C-alpha atoms as a PDB file:
ATOM      1  CA  ALA A   1       0.000   0.000   0.000  1.00  0.00           C
ATOM      2  CA  THR A   2       1.267   3.467  -0.806  1.00  0.00           C
ATOM      3  CA  HIS A   3      -0.790   5.234   1.913  1.00  0.00           C
ATOM      4  CA  ASN A   4      -1.000   8.229  -0.480  1.00  0.00           C
ATOM      5  CA  VAL A   5       2.653   9.024   0.186  1.00  0.00           C
ATOM      6  CA  PRO A   6       4.269  11.115  -2.585  1.00  0.00           C
ATOM      7  CA  LYS A   7       6.891   9.262  -4.641  1.00  0.00           C
ATOM      8  CA  ASN A   8       9.725  11.486  -3.431  1.00  0.00           C
ATOM      9  CA  GLU A   9       8.943  10.569   0.216  1.00  0.00           C
ATOM     10  CA  PHE A  10       8.160   6.891  -0.351  1.00  0.00           C
ATOM     11  CA  LEU A  11      11.510   5.431   0.783  1.00  0.00           C
ATOM     12  CA  LYS A  12      11.671   7.716   3.818  1.00  0.00           C
ATOM     13  CA  ASN A  13       8.180   7.067   5.201  1.00  0.00           C
ATOM     14  CA  ASP A  14       8.123   4.932   8.377  1.00  0.00           C
ATOM     15  CA  LYS A  15       4.771   3.276   7.540  1.00  0.00           C
ATOM     16  CA  ILE A  16       5.931   2.328   4.044  1.00  0.00           C
ATOM     17  CA  ILE A  17       9.209   0.942   5.418  1.00  0.00           C
ATOM     18  CA  LYS A  18       7.302  -1.075   8.018  1.00  0.00           C
ATOM     19  CA  ASP A  19       4.994  -2.475   5.325  1.00  0.00           C
ATOM     20  CA  PHE A  20       7.957  -3.364   3.133  1.00  0.00           C
ATOM     21  CA  LYS A  21       9.691  -5.149   6.011  1.00  0.00           C
ATOM     22  CA  GLU A  22       6.519  -7.173   6.624  1.00  0.00           C
ATOM     23  CA  TYR A  23       6.507  -8.150   2.951  1.00  0.00           C
ATOM     24  CA  VAL A  24      10.211  -9.126   3.087  1.00  0.00           C
ATOM     25  CA  PHE A  25       9.566 -11.246   6.188  1.00  0.00           C
ATOM     26  CA  LEU A  26       6.643 -13.059   4.565  1.00  0.00           C
ATOM     27  CA  TRP A  27       8.535 -13.583   1.317  1.00  0.00           C
ATOM     28  CA  LEU A  28      11.724 -14.918   2.919  1.00  0.00           C
ATOM     29  CA  ASN A  29       9.689 -17.269   5.102  1.00  0.00           C
ATOM     30  CA  HIS A  30       7.467 -18.506   2.257  1.00  0.00           C
ATOM     31  CA  LYS A  31       7.689 -22.279   1.917  1.00  0.00           C
ATOM     32  CA  ASN A  32       8.034 -23.603  -1.611  1.00  0.00           C
ATOM     33  CA  PRO A  33       5.291 -26.224  -1.920  1.00  0.00           C
ATOM     34  CA  ILE A  34       7.429 -28.361  -4.244  1.00  0.00           C
ATOM     35  CA  THR A  35      10.755 -28.380  -2.370  1.00  0.00           C
ATOM     36  CA  GLY A  36       9.409 -27.801   1.123  1.00  0.00           C
ATOM     37  CA  LEU A  37      12.124 -25.167   1.667  1.00  0.00           C
ATOM     38  CA  LYS A  38      11.605 -21.623   2.818  1.00  0.00           C
ATOM     39  CA  ILE A  39      13.076 -19.077   0.411  1.00  0.00           C
ATOM     40  CA  LYS A  40      15.593 -18.040   3.065  1.00  0.00           C
ATOM     41  CA  ASP A  41      16.832 -21.660   3.270  1.00  0.00           C
ATOM     42  CA  ASP A  42      16.927 -22.466  -0.441  1.00  0.00           C
ATOM     43  CA  PRO A  43      20.505 -23.223  -1.565  1.00  0.00           C
ATOM     44  CA  SER A  44      19.592 -22.667  -5.224  1.00  0.00           C
ATOM     45  CA  LEU A  45      19.174 -18.944  -4.563  1.00  0.00           C
ATOM     46  CA  LEU A  46      22.321 -16.795  -4.614  1.00  0.00           C
ATOM     47  CA  PHE A  47      21.172 -13.213  -4.021  1.00  0.00           C
ATOM     48  CA  ILE A  48      18.385 -11.277  -2.398  1.00  0.00           C
ATOM     49  CA  GLU A  49      18.140  -8.072  -4.450  1.00  0.00           C
ATOM     50  CA  LEU A  50      16.839  -4.946  -2.722  1.00  0.00           C
ATOM     51  CA  GLY A  51      14.808  -4.066  -5.808  1.00  0.00           C
ATOM     52  CA  ASN A  52      15.078  -3.652  -9.536  1.00  0.00           C
ATOM     53  CA  GLU A  53      16.541  -0.372 -10.748  1.00  0.00           C
ATOM     54  CA  LEU A  54      15.724   1.524  -7.578  1.00  0.00           C
ATOM     55  CA  GLY A  55      16.277   5.211  -8.024  1.00  0.00           C
ATOM     56  CA  ASN A  56      14.989   5.150 -11.550  1.00  0.00           C
ATOM     57  CA  ILE A  57      15.410   8.853 -12.306  1.00  0.00           C
ATOM     58  CA  ARG A  58      12.862   9.735 -14.964  1.00  0.00           C
ATOM     59  CA  PRO A  59      11.397  13.168 -14.146  1.00  0.00           C
ATOM     60  CA  ASP A  60       8.962  12.994 -17.083  1.00  0.00           C
ATOM     61  CA  ALA A  61       7.384   9.936 -15.395  1.00  0.00           C
ATOM     62  CA  GLY A  62       7.350  11.536 -11.931  1.00  0.00           C
ATOM     63  CA  SER A  63      10.290   9.537 -10.621  1.00  0.00           C
ATOM     64  CA  THR A  64      13.003  11.673  -9.072  1.00  0.00           C
ATOM     65  CA  THR A  65      14.072   9.723  -5.988  1.00  0.00           C
ATOM     66  CA  ILE A  66      17.342   7.957  -5.276  1.00  0.00           C
ATOM     67  CA  PRO A  67      17.079   5.430  -2.427  1.00  0.00           C
ATOM     68  CA  PRO A  68      18.582   7.113   0.622  1.00  0.00           C
ATOM     69  CA  LYS A  69      21.464   5.469   2.432  1.00  0.00           C
ATOM     70  CA  SER A  70      19.221   5.081   5.480  1.00  0.00           C
ATOM     71  CA  TRP A  71      16.738   2.923   3.500  1.00  0.00           C
ATOM     72  CA  LEU A  72      19.441   0.843   1.807  1.00  0.00           C
ATOM     73  CA  SER A  73      21.099   0.201   5.146  1.00  0.00           C
ATOM     74  CA  GLU A  74      17.890  -0.501   7.068  1.00  0.00           C
ATOM     75  CA  ILE A  75      16.469  -2.944   4.516  1.00  0.00           C
ATOM     76  CA  SER A  76      19.733  -4.790   3.810  1.00  0.00           C
ATOM     77  CA  SER A  77      20.378  -5.113   7.554  1.00  0.00           C
ATOM     78  CA  TYR A  78      16.832  -6.333   8.123  1.00  0.00           C
ATOM     79  CA  ILE A  79      17.195  -9.012   5.436  1.00  0.00           C
ATOM     80  CA  LYS A  80      20.352 -10.255   7.152  1.00  0.00           C
ATOM     81  CA  THR A  81      18.478 -10.686  10.464  1.00  0.00           C
ATOM     82  CA  ILE A  82      16.157 -13.167   8.741  1.00  0.00           C
ATOM     83  CA  ASP A  83      18.346 -14.711   6.064  1.00  0.00           C
ATOM     84  CA  LYS A  84      21.917 -15.714   6.890  1.00  0.00           C
ATOM     85  CA  ASN A  85      22.305 -17.869   3.775  1.00  0.00           C
ATOM     86  CA  HIS A  86      22.214 -15.415   0.887  1.00  0.00           C
ATOM     87  CA  LEU A  87      24.118 -12.392  -0.309  1.00  0.00           C
ATOM     88  CA  VAL A  88      22.337  -9.037  -0.448  1.00  0.00           C
ATOM     89  CA  LEU A  89      22.558  -7.457  -3.900  1.00  0.00           C
ATOM     90  CA  ASP A  90      21.939  -3.746  -4.257  1.00  0.00           C
ATOM     91  CA  GLY A  91      19.152  -2.746  -6.578  1.00  0.00           C
ATOM     92  CA  THR A  92      20.200   0.813  -7.298  1.00  0.00           C
ATOM     93  CA  ASP A  93      21.396   1.138 -10.833  1.00  0.00           C
ATOM     94  CA  GLU A  94      24.026   3.852 -10.717  1.00  0.00           C
ATOM     95  CA  CYS A  95      22.905   5.056 -14.120  1.00  0.00           C
ATOM     96  CA  LEU A  96      19.188   5.325 -13.501  1.00  0.00           C
ATOM     97  CA  GLY A  97      19.762   6.364  -9.893  1.00  0.00           C
ATOM     98  CA  SER A  98      22.416   8.777 -11.062  1.00  0.00           C
ATOM     99  CA  ARG A  99      25.941   8.577  -9.805  1.00  0.00           C
ATOM    100  CA  GLU A 100      24.737  10.057  -6.522  1.00  0.00           C
ATOM    101  CA  SER A 101      23.558   6.732  -5.101  1.00  0.00           C
ATOM    102  CA  SER A 102      25.036   5.838  -1.727  1.00  0.00           C
ATOM    103  CA  ASP A 103      24.793   2.074  -2.175  1.00  0.00           C
ATOM    104  CA  PHE A 104      28.596   1.735  -2.208  1.00  0.00           C
ATOM    105  CA  GLU A 105      28.612   3.241   1.299  1.00  0.00           C
ATOM    106  CA  VAL A 106      26.339   0.575   2.838  1.00  0.00           C
ATOM    107  CA  GLU A 107      28.325  -2.140   4.613  1.00  0.00           C
ATOM    108  CA  THR A 108      25.457  -4.647   4.650  1.00  0.00           C
ATOM    109  CA  ILE A 109      25.292  -4.801   0.857  1.00  0.00           C
ATOM    110  CA  ASP A 110      27.394  -7.778  -0.248  1.00  0.00           C
ATOM    111  CA  CYS A 111      27.424  -7.328  -4.019  1.00  0.00           C
ATOM    112  CA  PHE A 112      26.838  -4.498  -6.481  1.00  0.00           C
ATOM    113  CA  THR A 113      25.208  -4.445  -9.875  1.00  0.00           C
ATOM    114  CA  GLY A 114      24.742  -2.329 -12.956  1.00  0.00           C
ATOM    115  CA  HIS A 115      22.381  -2.572 -15.920  1.00  0.00           C
ATOM    116  CA  PHE A 116      23.656  -1.711 -19.370  1.00  0.00           C
ATOM    117  CA  TYR A 117      21.606  -1.091 -22.481  1.00  0.00           C
ATOM    118  CA  TRP A 118      24.179   1.080 -24.187  1.00  0.00           C
ATOM    119  CA  HIS A 119      27.955   0.973 -24.156  1.00  0.00           C
ATOM    120  CA  ASP A 120      28.661   2.996 -21.037  1.00  0.00           C
ATOM    121  CA  TYR A 121      32.272   2.030 -20.407  1.00  0.00           C
ATOM    122  CA  GLU A 122      32.808   4.915 -17.974  1.00  0.00           C
ATOM    123  CA  ARG A 123      29.984   3.700 -15.735  1.00  0.00           C
ATOM    124  CA  LEU A 124      31.176   0.091 -15.967  1.00  0.00           C
ATOM    125  CA  ASN A 125      34.637   1.197 -14.869  1.00  0.00           C
ATOM    126  CA  LEU A 126      33.174   3.302 -12.040  1.00  0.00           C
ATOM    127  CA  GLY A 127      31.062   0.440 -10.657  1.00  0.00           C
ATOM    128  CA  THR A 128      33.796  -2.172 -10.880  1.00  0.00           C
ATOM    129  CA  LYS A 129      36.365   0.180  -9.358  1.00  0.00           C
ATOM    130  CA  LYS A 130      34.160   1.158  -6.402  1.00  0.00           C
ATOM    131  CA  SER A 131      33.137  -2.421  -5.663  1.00  0.00           C
ATOM    132  CA  ASP A 132      36.740  -3.625  -5.985  1.00  0.00           C
ATOM    133  CA  GLU A 133      37.878  -0.969  -3.483  1.00  0.00           C
ATOM    134  CA  LEU A 134      35.392  -2.537  -1.047  1.00  0.00           C
ATOM    135  CA  SER A 135      36.524  -6.095  -1.912  1.00  0.00           C
ATOM    136  CA  LYS A 136      32.988  -6.909  -3.042  1.00  0.00           C
ATOM    137  CA  PRO A 137      31.909  -8.397  -6.376  1.00  0.00           C
ATOM    138  CA  TYR A 138      30.220  -6.554  -9.215  1.00  0.00           C
ATOM    139  CA  ILE A 139      27.553  -8.244 -11.331  1.00  0.00           C
ATOM    140  CA  ILE A 140      26.323  -7.064 -14.716  1.00  0.00           C
ATOM    141  CA  GLY A 141      22.692  -7.588 -13.778  1.00  0.00           C
ATOM    142  CA  GLU A 142      21.146  -6.769 -17.134  1.00  0.00           C
ATOM    143  CA  TYR A 143      22.547  -6.001 -20.542  1.00  0.00           C
ATOM    144  CA  SER A 144      21.406  -5.871 -24.111  1.00  0.00           C
ATOM    145  CA  SER A 145      21.607  -9.161 -25.973  1.00  0.00           C
ATOM    146  CA  LYS A 146      22.260  -7.084 -29.107  1.00  0.00           C
ATOM    147  CA  PHE A 147      25.713  -5.963 -27.920  1.00  0.00           C
ATOM    148  CA  GLY A 148      28.615  -7.091 -30.041  1.00  0.00           C
ATOM    149  CA  SER A 149      31.762  -8.934 -29.063  1.00  0.00           C
ATOM    150  CA  ASP A 150      33.502  -5.676 -28.022  1.00  0.00           C
ATOM    151  CA  TRP A 151      31.145  -5.361 -25.026  1.00  0.00           C
ATOM    152  CA  PHE A 152      31.591  -8.994 -24.004  1.00  0.00           C
ATOM    153  CA  LYS A 153      35.368  -8.692 -24.214  1.00  0.00           C
ATOM    154  CA  THR A 154      35.218  -5.549 -22.071  1.00  0.00           C
ATOM    155  CA  MET A 155      33.063  -7.267 -19.429  1.00  0.00           C
ATOM    156  CA  GLU A 156      35.392 -10.283 -19.391  1.00  0.00           C
ATOM    157  CA  THR A 157      38.498  -8.144 -18.888  1.00  0.00           C
ATOM    158  CA  GLN A 158      37.116  -6.284 -15.854  1.00  0.00           C
ATOM    159  CA  LYS A 159      38.823  -7.984 -12.925  1.00  0.00           C
ATOM    160  CA  ASN A 160      35.912  -7.447 -10.544  1.00  0.00           C
ATOM    161  CA  VAL A 161      33.018  -8.495 -12.783  1.00  0.00           C
ATOM    162  CA  LYS A 162      32.075 -11.792 -11.157  1.00  0.00           C
ATOM    163  CA  GLY A 163      29.014 -12.571 -13.248  1.00  0.00           C
ATOM    164  CA  THR A 164      26.657 -11.398 -15.955  1.00  0.00           C
ATOM    165  CA  MET A 165      22.970 -11.925 -16.611  1.00  0.00           C
ATOM    166  CA  PHE A 166      21.103 -10.754 -19.662  1.00  0.00           C
ATOM    167  CA  TRP A 167      17.535  -9.600 -19.238  1.00  0.00           C
ATOM    168  CA  SER A 168      15.981 -10.829 -22.479  1.00  0.00           C
ATOM    169  CA  LEU A 169      17.349 -12.640 -25.471  1.00  0.00           C
ATOM    170  CA  TYR A 170      16.373 -10.922 -28.707  1.00  0.00           C
ATOM    171  CA  PRO A 171      17.436 -12.200 -32.105  1.00  0.00           C
ATOM    172  CA  ASN A 172      19.498  -9.978 -34.360  1.00  0.00           C
ATOM    173  CA  VAL A 173      17.278  -9.657 -37.393  1.00  0.00           C
ATOM    174  CA  ASN A 174      19.291  -7.149 -39.409  1.00  0.00           C
END
C-alpha cells in the first residue's frame, strides 16, 4: 500500500518501510510447496536483491528519488536478520539512480550491480572500481543481448566483474 505518500517521500516514510519489512519477512519465510524449503533456506538462490533499478530517475514519469542510504542500510540489515544464507545485492542502478547513489557506502550490501543497455564504459569502470575498493563483487545484472563482441570482451576483462545476466534474449534480425 502506498498510503497516499508522494513518490519522493516513499523510501523515507516509516509506515511504508514497516509495510515493506513485513513483505520481506513473509517472502523470505514462504515455503516452496514443491521443495518444502523456505526461500531463506533455499541453496539454489544466490542473491536477495533490494529491488530492480531503484532510483529510476525519470522526471517525465514523476520519478526523481534515489534510495537514501538510510533505506538501503535498514532494509539490507533487516534481510540479514532473517536470512543468513544469501548475499544481499543492491538494486540501485548507478545510471538510472544517477551517480549520486550511496549504495557503495552501505556495509550490509554484499554485491553491487549495474544494468547496461548502451555501451557505457565509464559507468562500468566506475562500478567495478568502487566495488573492488570494497573487496565486493560486481555483477552485470542486465545487458542488451544485441551488444557485439567488443562489449563482451570488455566485461570479461574487468577484474571485478564476477558474473553477468542478460535480461531478455532478442534475435538480431538485421
